Amino acid sequence: MSKFYCEYCGTSASSVSSLTGNSCHRHPDGPGRGRHKLYEGSEKNQYTCKYCGTKSSTISSLTGNSCYRHPGGSGKGRHAPYEGSEKNQYTCKYCGTNSSTISSLTGNSCPRHPGGNGKGRHVPSL
């Protein structure tokens, strides 16, 4: 039987409708201000934050802490799971820069970020 997980908090459900039909205590707009969001990646032994590269064994433990590289600013948002598979090389979806880890990729500003040159970090493509 398949499990479906919330990207924001790691809650699991047996169907997409039962997951997305309930409010999420870790929703970005605040507890109870939005519904669970379907995590579209596969189940993994370790989940990696798409903003900073921090790793955790569950989505729940990953998203339970604030992320120092969150796009909203340090401490302004939580870690978010990378939905792609683990790779030997990660590529920025805006400019094509390559790096061997998500952490090293997201550690630098992206010259082609939609927010403008120097306004955002590299973002790993799936």
PDB file of N, CA and C in Angstrom:
ATOM      1  N   MET A   1       0.840  -1.181   0.000  1.00  0.00           N
ATOM      2  CA  MET A   1       0.000   0.000   0.000  1.00  0.00           C
ATOM      3  C   MET A   1       0.889   1.250   0.000  1.00  0.00           C
ATOM      4  N   SER A   2       0.605   2.164  -0.867  1.00  0.00           N
ATOM      5  CA  SER A   2       1.400   3.380  -0.996  1.00  0.00           C
ATOM      6  C   SER A   2       1.098   4.352   0.126  1.00  0.00           C
ATOM      7  N   LYS A   3       2.125   5.120   0.485  1.00  0.00           N
ATOM      8  CA  LYS A   3       1.955   6.195   1.449  1.00  0.00           C
ATOM      9  C   LYS A   3       2.217   7.502   0.723  1.00  0.00           C
ATOM     10  N   PHE A   4       1.473   8.517   1.096  1.00  0.00           N
ATOM     11  CA  PHE A   4       1.641   9.849   0.539  1.00  0.00           C
ATOM     12  C   PHE A   4       2.017  10.776   1.683  1.00  0.00           C
ATOM     13  N   TYR A   5       3.033  11.616   1.452  1.00  0.00           N
ATOM     14  CA  TYR A   5       3.583  12.455   2.518  1.00  0.00           C
ATOM     15  C   TYR A   5       3.371  13.939   2.243  1.00  0.00           C
ATOM     16  N   CYS A   6       3.270  14.709   3.324  1.00  0.00           N
ATOM     17  CA  CYS A   6       3.184  16.159   3.221  1.00  0.00           C
ATOM     18  C   CYS A   6       4.590  16.736   3.132  1.00  0.00           C
ATOM     19  N   GLU A   7       4.814  17.610   2.161  1.00  0.00           N
ATOM     20  CA  GLU A   7       6.117  18.260   1.982  1.00  0.00           C
ATOM     21  C   GLU A   7       6.457  19.183   3.155  1.00  0.00           C
ATOM     22  N   TYR A   8       5.449  19.736   3.797  1.00  0.00           N
ATOM     23  CA  TYR A   8       5.686  20.696   4.874  1.00  0.00           C
ATOM     24  C   TYR A   8       5.965  20.062   6.231  1.00  0.00           C
ATOM     25  N   CYS A   9       5.332  18.904   6.516  1.00  0.00           N
ATOM     26  CA  CYS A   9       5.458  18.347   7.866  1.00  0.00           C
ATOM     27  C   CYS A   9       5.775  16.857   7.925  1.00  0.00           C
ATOM     28  N   GLY A  10       5.645  16.145   6.807  1.00  0.00           N
ATOM     29  CA  GLY A  10       5.946  14.717   6.791  1.00  0.00           C
ATOM     30  C   GLY A  10       4.793  13.815   7.185  1.00  0.00           C
ATOM     31  N   THR A  11       3.628  14.378   7.479  1.00  0.00           N
ATOM     32  CA  THR A  11       2.456  13.554   7.792  1.00  0.00           C
ATOM     33  C   THR A  11       2.200  12.602   6.630  1.00  0.00           C
ATOM     34  N   SER A  12       1.837  11.355   6.951  1.00  0.00           N
ATOM     35  CA  SER A  12       1.557  10.395   5.884  1.00  0.00           C
ATOM     36  C   SER A  12       0.073  10.057   5.857  1.00  0.00           C
ATOM     37  N   ALA A  13      -0.388   9.673   4.677  1.00  0.00           N
ATOM     38  CA  ALA A  13      -1.774   9.272   4.486  1.00  0.00           C
ATOM     39  C   ALA A  13      -1.820   8.189   3.419  1.00  0.00           C
ATOM     40  N   SER A  14      -2.928   7.457   3.372  1.00  0.00           N
ATOM     41  CA  SER A  14      -3.054   6.356   2.411  1.00  0.00           C
ATOM     42  C   SER A  14      -3.524   6.814   1.036  1.00  0.00           C
ATOM     43  N   SER A  15      -3.977   8.072   0.940  1.00  0.00           N
ATOM     44  CA  SER A  15      -4.387   8.603  -0.362  1.00  0.00           C
ATOM     45  C   SER A  15      -4.058  10.092  -0.429  1.00  0.00           C
ATOM     46  N   VAL A  16      -3.944  10.606  -1.646  1.00  0.00           N
ATOM     47  CA  VAL A  16      -3.662  12.026  -1.842  1.00  0.00           C
ATOM     48  C   VAL A  16      -4.808  12.857  -1.281  1.00  0.00           C
ATOM     49  N   SER A  17      -6.048  12.424  -1.532  1.00  0.00           N
ATOM     50  CA  SER A  17      -7.195  13.216  -1.072  1.00  0.00           C
ATOM     51  C   SER A  17      -7.289  13.275   0.452  1.00  0.00           C
ATOM     52  N   SER A  18      -6.955  12.197   1.137  1.00  0.00           N
ATOM     53  CA  SER A  18      -7.000  12.246   2.601  1.00  0.00           C
ATOM     54  C   SER A  18      -5.861  13.104   3.159  1.00  0.00           C
ATOM     55  N   LEU A  19      -4.726  13.152   2.459  1.00  0.00           N
ATOM     56  CA  LEU A  19      -3.622  14.008   2.895  1.00  0.00           C
ATOM     57  C   LEU A  19      -3.958  15.480   2.674  1.00  0.00           C
ATOM     58  N   THR A  20      -4.318  15.822   1.447  1.00  0.00           N
ATOM     59  CA  THR A  20      -4.526  17.231   1.093  1.00  0.00           C
ATOM     60  C   THR A  20      -5.862  17.778   1.579  1.00  0.00           C
ATOM     61  N   GLY A  21      -6.685  16.944   2.165  1.00  0.00           N
ATOM     62  CA  GLY A  21      -7.965  17.391   2.699  1.00  0.00           C
ATOM     63  C   GLY A  21      -7.885  17.906   4.124  1.00  0.00           C
ATOM     64  N   ASN A  22      -6.708  17.852   4.723  1.00  0.00           N
ATOM     65  CA  ASN A  22      -6.547  18.269   6.118  1.00  0.00           C
ATOM     66  C   ASN A  22      -5.554  19.413   6.253  1.00  0.00           C
ATOM     67  N   SER A  23      -5.707  20.183   7.329  1.00  0.00           N
ATOM     68  CA  SER A  23      -4.809  21.318   7.560  1.00  0.00           C
ATOM     69  C   SER A  23      -3.463  20.838   8.088  1.00  0.00           C
ATOM     70  N   CYS A  24      -2.438  21.649   7.826  1.00  0.00           N
ATOM     71  CA  CYS A  24      -1.055  21.303   8.175  1.00  0.00           C
ATOM     72  C   CYS A  24      -0.538  22.229   9.278  1.00  0.00           C
ATOM     73  N   HIS A  25       0.016  21.631  10.330  1.00  0.00           N
ATOM     74  CA  HIS A  25       0.544  22.420  11.448  1.00  0.00           C
ATOM     75  C   HIS A  25       1.872  23.118  11.124  1.00  0.00           C
ATOM     76  N   ARG A  26       2.509  22.754  10.008  1.00  0.00           N
ATOM     77  CA  ARG A  26       3.758  23.412   9.594  1.00  0.00           C
ATOM     78  C   ARG A  26       3.598  24.161   8.269  1.00  0.00           C
ATOM     79  N   HIS A  27       2.383  24.507   7.921  1.00  0.00           N
ATOM     80  CA  HIS A  27       2.152  25.238   6.668  1.00  0.00           C
ATOM     81  C   HIS A  27       2.909  26.572   6.718  1.00  0.00           C
ATOM     82  N   PRO A  28       3.512  27.004   5.591  1.00  0.00           N
ATOM     83  CA  PRO A  28       4.275  28.261   5.573  1.00  0.00           C
ATOM     84  C   PRO A  28       3.483  29.496   6.024  1.00  0.00           C
ATOM     85  N   ASP A  29       2.160  29.468   5.847  1.00  0.00           N
ATOM     86  CA  ASP A  29       1.338  30.605   6.271  1.00  0.00           C
ATOM     87  C   ASP A  29       0.988  30.553   7.751  1.00  0.00           C
ATOM     88  N   GLY A  30       1.343  29.467   8.425  1.00  0.00           N
ATOM     89  CA  GLY A  30       1.078  29.313   9.847  1.00  0.00           C
ATOM     90  C   GLY A  30       0.247  28.072  10.122  1.00  0.00           C
ATOM     91  N   PRO A  31       0.272  27.599  11.379  1.00  0.00           N
ATOM     92  CA  PRO A  31      -0.484  26.405  11.751  1.00  0.00           C
ATOM     93  C   PRO A  31      -1.974  26.559  11.451  1.00  0.00           C
ATOM     94  N   GLY A  32      -2.535  25.588  10.754  1.00  0.00           N
ATOM     95  CA  GLY A  32      -3.951  25.594  10.443  1.00  0.00           C
ATOM     96  C   GLY A  32      -4.367  26.609   9.385  1.00  0.00           C
ATOM     97  N   ARG A  33      -3.424  27.288   8.753  1.00  0.00           N
ATOM     98  CA  ARG A  33      -3.765  28.302   7.744  1.00  0.00           C
ATOM     99  C   ARG A  33      -3.679  27.779   6.316  1.00  0.00           C
ATOM    100  N   GLY A  34      -3.381  26.518   6.183  1.00  0.00           N
ATOM    101  CA  GLY A  34      -3.311  25.901   4.860  1.00  0.00           C
ATOM    102  C   GLY A  34      -3.327  24.393   4.990  1.00  0.00           C
ATOM    103  N   ARG A  35      -3.488  23.741   3.887  1.00  0.00           N
ATOM    104  CA  ARG A  35      -3.581  22.279   3.864  1.00  0.00           C
ATOM    105  C   ARG A  35      -2.213  21.645   3.597  1.00  0.00           C
ATOM    106  N   HIS A  36      -2.152  20.339   3.861  1.00  0.00           N
ATOM    107  CA  HIS A  36      -0.948  19.586   3.540  1.00  0.00           C
ATOM    108  C   HIS A  36      -0.660  19.701   2.048  1.00  0.00           C
ATOM    109  N   LYS A  37       0.622  19.707   1.685  1.00  0.00           N
ATOM    110  CA  LYS A  37       1.041  19.734   0.279  1.00  0.00           C
ATOM    111  C   LYS A  37       1.708  18.403  -0.033  1.00  0.00           C
ATOM    112  N   LEU A  38       1.321  17.794  -1.118  1.00  0.00           N
ATOM    113  CA  LEU A  38       1.865  16.497  -1.500  1.00  0.00           C
ATOM    114  C   LEU A  38       3.359  16.597  -1.803  1.00  0.00           C
ATOM    115  N   TYR A  39       4.154  15.750  -1.150  1.00  0.00           N
ATOM    116  CA  TYR A  39       5.570  15.585  -1.476  1.00  0.00           C
ATOM    117  C   TYR A  39       5.618  14.661  -2.685  1.00  0.00           C
ATOM    118  N   GLU A  40       6.202  15.119  -3.780  1.00  0.00           N
ATOM    119  CA  GLU A  40       6.164  14.351  -5.022  1.00  0.00           C
ATOM    120  C   GLU A  40       7.416  13.524  -5.287  1.00  0.00           C
ATOM    121  N   GLY A  41       8.342  13.514  -4.369  1.00  0.00           N
ATOM    122  CA  GLY A  41       9.538  12.689  -4.514  1.00  0.00           C
ATOM    123  C   GLY A  41       9.280  11.269  -4.039  1.00  0.00           C
ATOM    124  N   SER A  42      10.297  10.448  -4.137  1.00  0.00           N
ATOM    125  CA  SER A  42      10.168   9.054  -3.709  1.00  0.00           C
ATOM    126  C   SER A  42      10.534   8.914  -2.230  1.00  0.00           C
ATOM    127  N   GLU A  43      10.170   7.769  -1.634  1.00  0.00           N
ATOM    128  CA  GLU A  43      10.594   7.485  -0.266  1.00  0.00           C
ATOM    129  C   GLU A  43      12.100   7.255  -0.280  1.00  0.00           C
ATOM    130  N   LYS A  44      12.793   7.751   0.738  1.00  0.00           N
ATOM    131  CA  LYS A  44      14.251   7.681   0.781  1.00  0.00           C
ATOM    132  C   LYS A  44      14.731   7.298   2.175  1.00  0.00           C
ATOM    133  N   ASN A  45      15.973   6.843   2.260  1.00  0.00           N
ATOM    134  CA  ASN A  45      16.592   6.584   3.562  1.00  0.00           C
ATOM    135  C   ASN A  45      16.980   7.889   4.236  1.00  0.00           C
ATOM    136  N   GLN A  46      17.308   8.891   3.408  1.00  0.00           N
ATOM    137  CA  GLN A  46      17.654  10.220   3.909  1.00  0.00           C
ATOM    138  C   GLN A  46      17.039  11.265   3.007  1.00  0.00           C
ATOM    139  N   TYR A  47      16.485  12.312   3.629  1.00  0.00           N
ATOM    140  CA  TYR A  47      15.909  13.434   2.893  1.00  0.00           C
ATOM    141  C   TYR A  47      16.851  14.619   3.031  1.00  0.00           C
ATOM    142  N   THR A  48      17.037  15.348   1.935  1.00  0.00           N
ATOM    143  CA  THR A  48      17.973  16.469   1.884  1.00  0.00           C
ATOM    144  C   THR A  48      17.214  17.768   1.675  1.00  0.00           C
ATOM    145  N   CYS A  49      17.585  18.809   2.423  1.00  0.00           N
ATOM    146  CA  CYS A  49      16.948  20.114   2.246  1.00  0.00           C
ATOM    147  C   CYS A  49      17.385  20.715   0.915  1.00  0.00           C
ATOM    148  N   LYS A  50      16.419  21.162   0.117  1.00  0.00           N
ATOM    149  CA  LYS A  50      16.732  21.731  -1.191  1.00  0.00           C
ATOM    150  C   LYS A  50      17.367  23.106  -1.099  1.00  0.00           C
ATOM    151  N   TYR A  51      17.315  23.742   0.064  1.00  0.00           N
ATOM    152  CA  TYR A  51      17.900  25.071   0.227  1.00  0.00           C
ATOM    153  C   TYR A  51      19.341  25.044   0.754  1.00  0.00           C
ATOM    154  N   CYS A  52      19.664  24.060   1.601  1.00  0.00           N
ATOM    155  CA  CYS A  52      20.989  24.088   2.241  1.00  0.00           C
ATOM    156  C   CYS A  52      21.733  22.765   2.240  1.00  0.00           C
ATOM    157  N   GLY A  53      21.057  21.658   1.942  1.00  0.00           N
ATOM    158  CA  GLY A  53      21.725  20.365   1.910  1.00  0.00           C
ATOM    159  C   GLY A  53      21.708  19.594   3.220  1.00  0.00           C
ATOM    160  N   THR A  54      21.083  20.121   4.275  1.00  0.00           N
ATOM    161  CA  THR A  54      20.962  19.396   5.537  1.00  0.00           C
ATOM    162  C   THR A  54      20.225  18.085   5.284  1.00  0.00           C
ATOM    163  N   LYS A  55      20.643  17.016   5.969  1.00  0.00           N
ATOM    164  CA  LYS A  55      20.036  15.699   5.761  1.00  0.00           C
ATOM    165  C   LYS A  55      19.350  15.226   7.034  1.00  0.00           C
ATOM    166  N   SER A  56      18.285  14.444   6.847  1.00  0.00           N
ATOM    167  CA  SER A  56      17.557  13.860   7.964  1.00  0.00           C
ATOM    168  C   SER A  56      16.889  12.567   7.501  1.00  0.00           C
ATOM    169  N   SER A  57      16.596  11.679   8.443  1.00  0.00           N
ATOM    170  CA  SER A  57      16.042  10.376   8.086  1.00  0.00           C
ATOM    171  C   SER A  57      14.541  10.419   7.751  1.00  0.00           C
ATOM    172  N   THR A  58      13.841  11.487   8.161  1.00  0.00           N
ATOM    173  CA  THR A  58      12.414  11.612   7.841  1.00  0.00           C
ATOM    174  C   THR A  58      12.110  13.043   7.386  1.00  0.00           C
ATOM    175  N   ILE A  59      11.033  13.194   6.645  1.00  0.00           N
ATOM    176  CA  ILE A  59      10.597  14.529   6.242  1.00  0.00           C
ATOM    177  C   ILE A  59      10.207  15.324   7.481  1.00  0.00           C
ATOM    178  N   SER A  60       9.559  14.663   8.419  1.00  0.00           N
ATOM    179  CA  SER A  60       9.113  15.330   9.642  1.00  0.00           C
ATOM    180  C   SER A  60      10.278  15.925  10.424  1.00  0.00           C
ATOM    181  N   SER A  61      11.349  15.165  10.597  1.00  0.00           N
ATOM    182  CA  SER A  61      12.497  15.692  11.343  1.00  0.00           C
ATOM    183  C   SER A  61      13.234  16.771  10.539  1.00  0.00           C
ATOM    184  N   LEU A  62      13.257  16.646   9.210  1.00  0.00           N
ATOM    185  CA  LEU A  62      13.901  17.665   8.376  1.00  0.00           C
ATOM    186  C   LEU A  62      13.144  18.989   8.463  1.00  0.00           C
ATOM    187  N   THR A  63      11.830  18.941   8.291  1.00  0.00           N
ATOM    188  CA  THR A  63      11.032  20.164   8.257  1.00  0.00           C
ATOM    189  C   THR A  63      10.738  20.738   9.636  1.00  0.00           C
ATOM    190  N   GLY A  64      11.191  20.075  10.677  1.00  0.00           N
ATOM    191  CA  GLY A  64      10.966  20.546  12.040  1.00  0.00           C
ATOM    192  C   GLY A  64      11.903  21.660  12.457  1.00  0.00           C
ATOM    193  N   ASN A  65      12.873  21.984  11.640  1.00  0.00           N
ATOM    194  CA  ASN A  65      13.869  23.005  12.002  1.00  0.00           C
ATOM    195  C   ASN A  65      13.940  24.111  10.958  1.00  0.00           C
ATOM    196  N   SER A  66      14.367  25.283  11.399  1.00  0.00           N
ATOM    197  CA  SER A  66      14.493  26.407  10.468  1.00  0.00           C
ATOM    198  C   SER A  66      15.753  26.236   9.625  1.00  0.00           C
ATOM    199  N   CYS A  67      15.728  26.823   8.427  1.00  0.00           N
ATOM    200  CA  CYS A  67      16.816  26.700   7.462  1.00  0.00           C
ATOM    201  C   CYS A  67      17.556  28.027   7.324  1.00  0.00           C
ATOM    202  N   TYR A  68      18.867  28.002   7.499  1.00  0.00           N
ATOM    203  CA  TYR A  68      19.667  29.227   7.428  1.00  0.00           C
ATOM    204  C   TYR A  68      19.834  29.747   6.006  1.00  0.00           C
ATOM    205  N   ARG A  69      19.491  28.938   5.002  1.00  0.00           N
ATOM    206  CA  ARG A  69      19.544  29.391   3.601  1.00  0.00           C
ATOM    207  C   ARG A  69      18.157  29.481   2.965  1.00  0.00           C
ATOM    208  N   HIS A  70      17.131  29.572   3.772  1.00  0.00           N
ATOM    209  CA  HIS A  70      15.767  29.670   3.250  1.00  0.00           C
ATOM    210  C   HIS A  70      15.654  30.928   2.392  1.00  0.00           C
ATOM    211  N   PRO A  71      14.922  30.869   1.253  1.00  0.00           N
ATOM    212  CA  PRO A  71      14.788  32.035   0.376  1.00  0.00           C
ATOM    213  C   PRO A  71      14.221  33.277   1.070  1.00  0.00           C
ATOM    214  N   GLY A  72      13.433  33.077   2.125  1.00  0.00           N
ATOM    215  CA  GLY A  72      12.873  34.205   2.859  1.00  0.00           C
ATOM    216  C   GLY A  72      13.872  34.853   3.806  1.00  0.00           C
ATOM    217  N   GLY A  73      15.015  34.205   3.996  1.00  0.00           N
ATOM    218  CA  GLY A  73      16.045  34.713   4.897  1.00  0.00           C
ATOM    219  C   GLY A  73      16.356  33.700   5.980  1.00  0.00           C
ATOM    220  N   SER A  74      17.490  33.852   6.618  1.00  0.00           N
ATOM    221  CA  SER A  74      17.917  32.941   7.672  1.00  0.00           C
ATOM    222  C   SER A  74      16.906  32.947   8.817  1.00  0.00           C
ATOM    223  N   GLY A  75      16.419  31.770   9.188  1.00  0.00           N
ATOM    224  CA  GLY A  75      15.452  31.653  10.264  1.00  0.00           C
ATOM    225  C   GLY A  75      14.035  32.070   9.884  1.00  0.00           C
ATOM    226  N   LYS A  76      13.787  32.379   8.618  1.00  0.00           N
ATOM    227  CA  LYS A  76      12.459  32.841   8.179  1.00  0.00           C
ATOM    228  C   LYS A  76      11.604  31.719   7.609  1.00  0.00           C
ATOM    229  N   GLY A  77      12.141  30.526   7.528  1.00  0.00           N
ATOM    230  CA  GLY A  77      11.390  29.388   7.006  1.00  0.00           C
ATOM    231  C   GLY A  77      12.069  28.086   7.375  1.00  0.00           C
ATOM    232  N   ARG A  78      11.397  27.001   7.140  1.00  0.00           N
ATOM    233  CA  ARG A  78      11.899  25.671   7.502  1.00  0.00           C
ATOM    234  C   ARG A  78      12.622  25.006   6.330  1.00  0.00           C
ATOM    235  N   HIS A  79      13.361  23.939   6.676  1.00  0.00           N
ATOM    236  CA  HIS A  79      13.957  23.108   5.637  1.00  0.00           C
ATOM    237  C   HIS A  79      12.834  22.548   4.762  1.00  0.00           C
ATOM    238  N   ALA A  80      13.129  22.304   3.493  1.00  0.00           N
ATOM    239  CA  ALA A  80      12.163  21.713   2.558  1.00  0.00           C
ATOM    240  C   ALA A  80      12.841  20.565   1.826  1.00  0.00           C
ATOM    241  N   PRO A  81      12.176  19.425   1.712  1.00  0.00           N
ATOM    242  CA  PRO A  81      12.819  18.267   1.084  1.00  0.00           C
ATOM    243  C   PRO A  81      13.029  18.432  -0.418  1.00  0.00           C
ATOM    244  N   TYR A  82      14.217  18.041  -0.862  1.00  0.00           N
ATOM    245  CA  TYR A  82      14.534  17.990  -2.294  1.00  0.00           C
ATOM    246  C   TYR A  82      13.791  16.792  -2.866  1.00  0.00           C
ATOM    247  N   GLU A  83      13.016  16.989  -3.922  1.00  0.00           N
ATOM    248  CA  GLU A  83      12.188  15.919  -4.463  1.00  0.00           C
ATOM    249  C   GLU A  83      12.886  15.068  -5.517  1.00  0.00           C
ATOM    250  N   GLY A  84      14.032  15.492  -5.982  1.00  0.00           N
ATOM    251  CA  GLY A  84      14.766  14.719  -6.969  1.00  0.00           C
ATOM    252  C   GLY A  84      15.535  13.574  -6.327  1.00  0.00           C
ATOM    253  N   SER A  85      16.161  12.772  -7.160  1.00  0.00           N
ATOM    254  CA  SER A  85      16.961  11.660  -6.655  1.00  0.00           C
ATOM    255  C   SER A  85      18.382  12.136  -6.343  1.00  0.00           C
ATOM    256  N   GLU A  86      19.085  11.355  -5.529  1.00  0.00           N
ATOM    257  CA  GLU A  86      20.468  11.686  -5.196  1.00  0.00           C
ATOM    258  C   GLU A  86      21.320  11.551  -6.453  1.00  0.00           C
ATOM    259  N   LYS A  87      22.252  12.481  -6.639  1.00  0.00           N
ATOM    260  CA  LYS A  87      23.062  12.519  -7.854  1.00  0.00           C
ATOM    261  C   LYS A  87      24.533  12.715  -7.527  1.00  0.00           C
ATOM    262  N   ASN A  88      25.378  12.468  -8.517  1.00  0.00           N
ATOM    263  CA  ASN A  88      26.804  12.769  -8.377  1.00  0.00           C
ATOM    264  C   ASN A  88      27.064  14.247  -8.661  1.00  0.00           C
ATOM    265  N   GLN A  89      26.144  14.871  -9.392  1.00  0.00           N
ATOM    266  CA  GLN A  89      26.286  16.271  -9.817  1.00  0.00           C
ATOM    267  C   GLN A  89      24.914  16.944  -9.767  1.00  0.00           C
ATOM    268  N   TYR A  90      24.838  18.103  -9.123  1.00  0.00           N
ATOM    269  CA  TYR A  90      23.600  18.888  -9.068  1.00  0.00           C
ATOM    270  C   TYR A  90      23.782  20.132  -9.919  1.00  0.00           C
ATOM    271  N   THR A  91      22.726  20.511 -10.646  1.00  0.00           N
ATOM    272  CA  THR A  91      22.780  21.633 -11.580  1.00  0.00           C
ATOM    273  C   THR A  91      21.753  22.687 -11.185  1.00  0.00           C
ATOM    274  N   CYS A  92      22.152  23.952 -11.196  1.00  0.00           N
ATOM    275  CA  CYS A  92      21.233  25.041 -10.903  1.00  0.00           C
ATOM    276  C   CYS A  92      20.209  25.155 -12.034  1.00  0.00           C
ATOM    277  N   LYS A  93      18.942  25.221 -11.668  1.00  0.00           N
ATOM    278  CA  LYS A  93      17.893  25.272 -12.695  1.00  0.00           C
ATOM    279  C   LYS A  93      17.807  26.616 -13.397  1.00  0.00           C
ATOM    280  N   TYR A  94      18.496  27.636 -12.905  1.00  0.00           N
ATOM    281  CA  TYR A  94      18.459  28.955 -13.534  1.00  0.00           C
ATOM    282  C   TYR A  94      19.666  29.250 -14.422  1.00  0.00           C
ATOM    283  N   CYS A  95      20.850  28.799 -14.013  1.00  0.00           N
ATOM    284  CA  CYS A  95      22.049  29.193 -14.769  1.00  0.00           C
ATOM    285  C   CYS A  95      22.911  28.035 -15.244  1.00  0.00           C
ATOM    286  N   GLY A  96      22.658  26.817 -14.755  1.00  0.00           N
ATOM    287  CA  GLY A  96      23.425  25.668 -15.207  1.00  0.00           C
ATOM    288  C   GLY A  96      24.712  25.382 -14.437  1.00  0.00           C
ATOM    289  N   THR A  97      25.009  26.154 -13.402  1.00  0.00           N
ATOM    290  CA  THR A  97      26.190  25.883 -12.578  1.00  0.00           C
ATOM    291  C   THR A  97      26.071  24.490 -11.978  1.00  0.00           C
ATOM    292  N   ASN A  98      27.192  23.749 -11.935  1.00  0.00           N
ATOM    293  CA  ASN A  98      27.211  22.391 -11.391  1.00  0.00           C
ATOM    294  C   ASN A  98      27.992  22.329 -10.092  1.00  0.00           C
ATOM    295  N   SER A  99      27.590  21.388  -9.220  1.00  0.00           N
ATOM    296  CA  SER A  99      28.308  21.143  -7.980  1.00  0.00           C
ATOM    297  C   SER A  99      28.042  19.708  -7.534  1.00  0.00           C
ATOM    298  N   SER A 100      28.945  19.165  -6.740  1.00  0.00           N
ATOM    299  CA  SER A 100      28.813  17.765  -6.318  1.00  0.00           C
ATOM    300  C   SER A 100      27.816  17.577  -5.168  1.00  0.00           C
ATOM    301  N   THR A 101      27.451  18.653  -4.449  1.00  0.00           N
ATOM    302  CA  THR A 101      26.480  18.555  -3.359  1.00  0.00           C
ATOM    303  C   THR A 101      25.486  19.715  -3.439  1.00  0.00           C
ATOM    304  N   ILE A 102      24.313  19.502  -2.870  1.00  0.00           N
ATOM    305  CA  ILE A 102      23.325  20.582  -2.806  1.00  0.00           C
ATOM    306  C   ILE A 102      23.871  21.717  -1.935  1.00  0.00           C
ATOM    307  N   SER A 103      24.536  21.362  -0.854  1.00  0.00           N
ATOM    308  CA  SER A 103      25.084  22.371   0.049  1.00  0.00           C
ATOM    309  C   SER A 103      26.057  23.310  -0.654  1.00  0.00           C
ATOM    310  N   SER A 104      26.963  22.754  -1.438  1.00  0.00           N
ATOM    311  CA  SER A 104      27.931  23.615  -2.135  1.00  0.00           C
ATOM    312  C   SER A 104      27.268  24.395  -3.266  1.00  0.00           C
ATOM    313  N   LEU A 105      26.251  23.816  -3.919  1.00  0.00           N
ATOM    314  CA  LEU A 105      25.542  24.524  -4.982  1.00  0.00           C
ATOM    315  C   LEU A 105      24.781  25.727  -4.417  1.00  0.00           C
ATOM    316  N   THR A 106      24.030  25.507  -3.351  1.00  0.00           N
ATOM    317  CA  THR A 106      23.183  26.567  -2.795  1.00  0.00           C
ATOM    318  C   THR A 106      23.949  27.569  -1.937  1.00  0.00           C
ATOM    319  N   GLY A 107      25.241  27.354  -1.775  1.00  0.00           N
ATOM    320  CA  GLY A 107      26.059  28.257  -0.971  1.00  0.00           C
ATOM    321  C   GLY A 107      26.452  29.535  -1.683  1.00  0.00           C
ATOM    322  N   ASN A 108      26.111  29.652  -2.951  1.00  0.00           N
ATOM    323  CA  ASN A 108      26.524  30.826  -3.725  1.00  0.00           C
ATOM    324  C   ASN A 108      25.343  31.493  -4.408  1.00  0.00           C
ATOM    325  N   SER A 109      25.506  32.777  -4.704  1.00  0.00           N
ATOM    326  CA  SER A 109      24.479  33.543  -5.418  1.00  0.00           C
ATOM    327  C   SER A 109      24.413  33.096  -6.871  1.00  0.00           C
ATOM    328  N   CYS A 110      23.204  33.166  -7.429  1.00  0.00           N
ATOM    329  CA  CYS A 110      22.988  32.805  -8.829  1.00  0.00           C
ATOM    330  C   CYS A 110      22.832  34.069  -9.671  1.00  0.00           C
ATOM    331  N   PRO A 111      23.651  34.240 -10.718  1.00  0.00           N
ATOM    332  CA  PRO A 111      23.562  35.447 -11.545  1.00  0.00           C
ATOM    333  C   PRO A 111      22.285  35.525 -12.382  1.00  0.00           C
ATOM    334  N   ARG A 112      21.588  34.413 -12.543  1.00  0.00           N
ATOM    335  CA  ARG A 112      20.358  34.401 -13.351  1.00  0.00           C
ATOM    336  C   ARG A 112      19.110  34.100 -12.517  1.00  0.00           C
ATOM    337  N   HIS A 113      19.215  34.294 -11.222  1.00  0.00           N
ATOM    338  CA  HIS A 113      18.066  34.054 -10.336  1.00  0.00           C
ATOM    339  C   HIS A 113      16.921  34.990 -10.721  1.00  0.00           C
ATOM    340  N   PRO A 114      15.658  34.516 -10.682  1.00  0.00           N
ATOM    341  CA  PRO A 114      14.527  35.363 -11.076  1.00  0.00           C
ATOM    342  C   PRO A 114      14.416  36.656 -10.268  1.00  0.00           C
ATOM    343  N   GLY A 115      14.946  36.651  -9.045  1.00  0.00           N
ATOM    344  CA  GLY A 115      14.913  37.861  -8.220  1.00  0.00           C
ATOM    345  C   GLY A 115      15.924  38.901  -8.652  1.00  0.00           C
ATOM    346  N   GLY A 116      16.846  38.519  -9.533  1.00  0.00           N
ATOM    347  CA  GLY A 116      17.882  39.429 -10.017  1.00  0.00           C
ATOM    348  C   GLY A 116      19.263  38.948  -9.611  1.00  0.00           C
ATOM    349  N   ASN A 117      20.282  39.474 -10.277  1.00  0.00           N
ATOM    350  CA  ASN A 117      21.662  39.099 -10.016  1.00  0.00           C
ATOM    351  C   ASN A 117      22.003  39.404  -8.553  1.00  0.00           C
ATOM    352  N   GLY A 118      22.452  38.398  -7.834  1.00  0.00           N
ATOM    353  CA  GLY A 118      22.827  38.556  -6.436  1.00  0.00           C
ATOM    354  C   GLY A 118      21.644  38.582  -5.477  1.00  0.00           C
ATOM    355  N   LYS A 119      20.434  38.360  -5.962  1.00  0.00           N
ATOM    356  CA  LYS A 119      19.226  38.434  -5.130  1.00  0.00           C
ATOM    357  C   LYS A 119      18.767  37.060  -4.646  1.00  0.00           C
ATOM    358  N   GLY A 120      19.401  36.012  -5.125  1.00  0.00           N
ATOM    359  CA  GLY A 120      19.015  34.663  -4.704  1.00  0.00           C
ATOM    360  C   GLY A 120      20.123  33.670  -4.949  1.00  0.00           C
ATOM    361  N   ARG A 121      20.015  32.525  -4.352  1.00  0.00           N
ATOM    362  CA  ARG A 121      21.024  31.467  -4.461  1.00  0.00           C
ATOM    363  C   ARG A 121      20.702  30.520  -5.609  1.00  0.00           C
ATOM    364  N   HIS A 122      21.690  29.700  -5.971  1.00  0.00           N
ATOM    365  CA  HIS A 122      21.455  28.642  -6.941  1.00  0.00           C
ATOM    366  C   HIS A 122      20.362  27.711  -6.397  1.00  0.00           C
ATOM    367  N   VAL A 123      19.540  27.157  -7.278  1.00  0.00           N
ATOM    368  CA  VAL A 123      18.459  26.246  -6.907  1.00  0.00           C
ATOM    369  C   VAL A 123      18.666  24.957  -7.693  1.00  0.00           C
ATOM    370  N   PRO A 124      18.757  23.798  -6.994  1.00  0.00           N
ATOM    371  CA  PRO A 124      18.988  22.550  -7.732  1.00  0.00           C
ATOM    372  C   PRO A 124      17.791  22.142  -8.586  1.00  0.00           C
ATOM    373  N   SER A 125      18.065  21.745  -9.823  1.00  0.00           N
ATOM    374  CA  SER A 125      17.004  21.207 -10.682  1.00  0.00           C
ATOM    375  C   SER A 125      16.727  19.776 -10.252  1.00  0.00           C
ATOM    376  N   LEU A 126      15.574  19.273 -10.626  1.00  0.00           N
ATOM    377  CA  LEU A 126      15.230  17.887 -10.266  1.00  0.00           C
ATOM    378  C   LEU A 126      15.969  16.961 -11.195  1.00  0.00           C
TER     379      LEU A 126
END
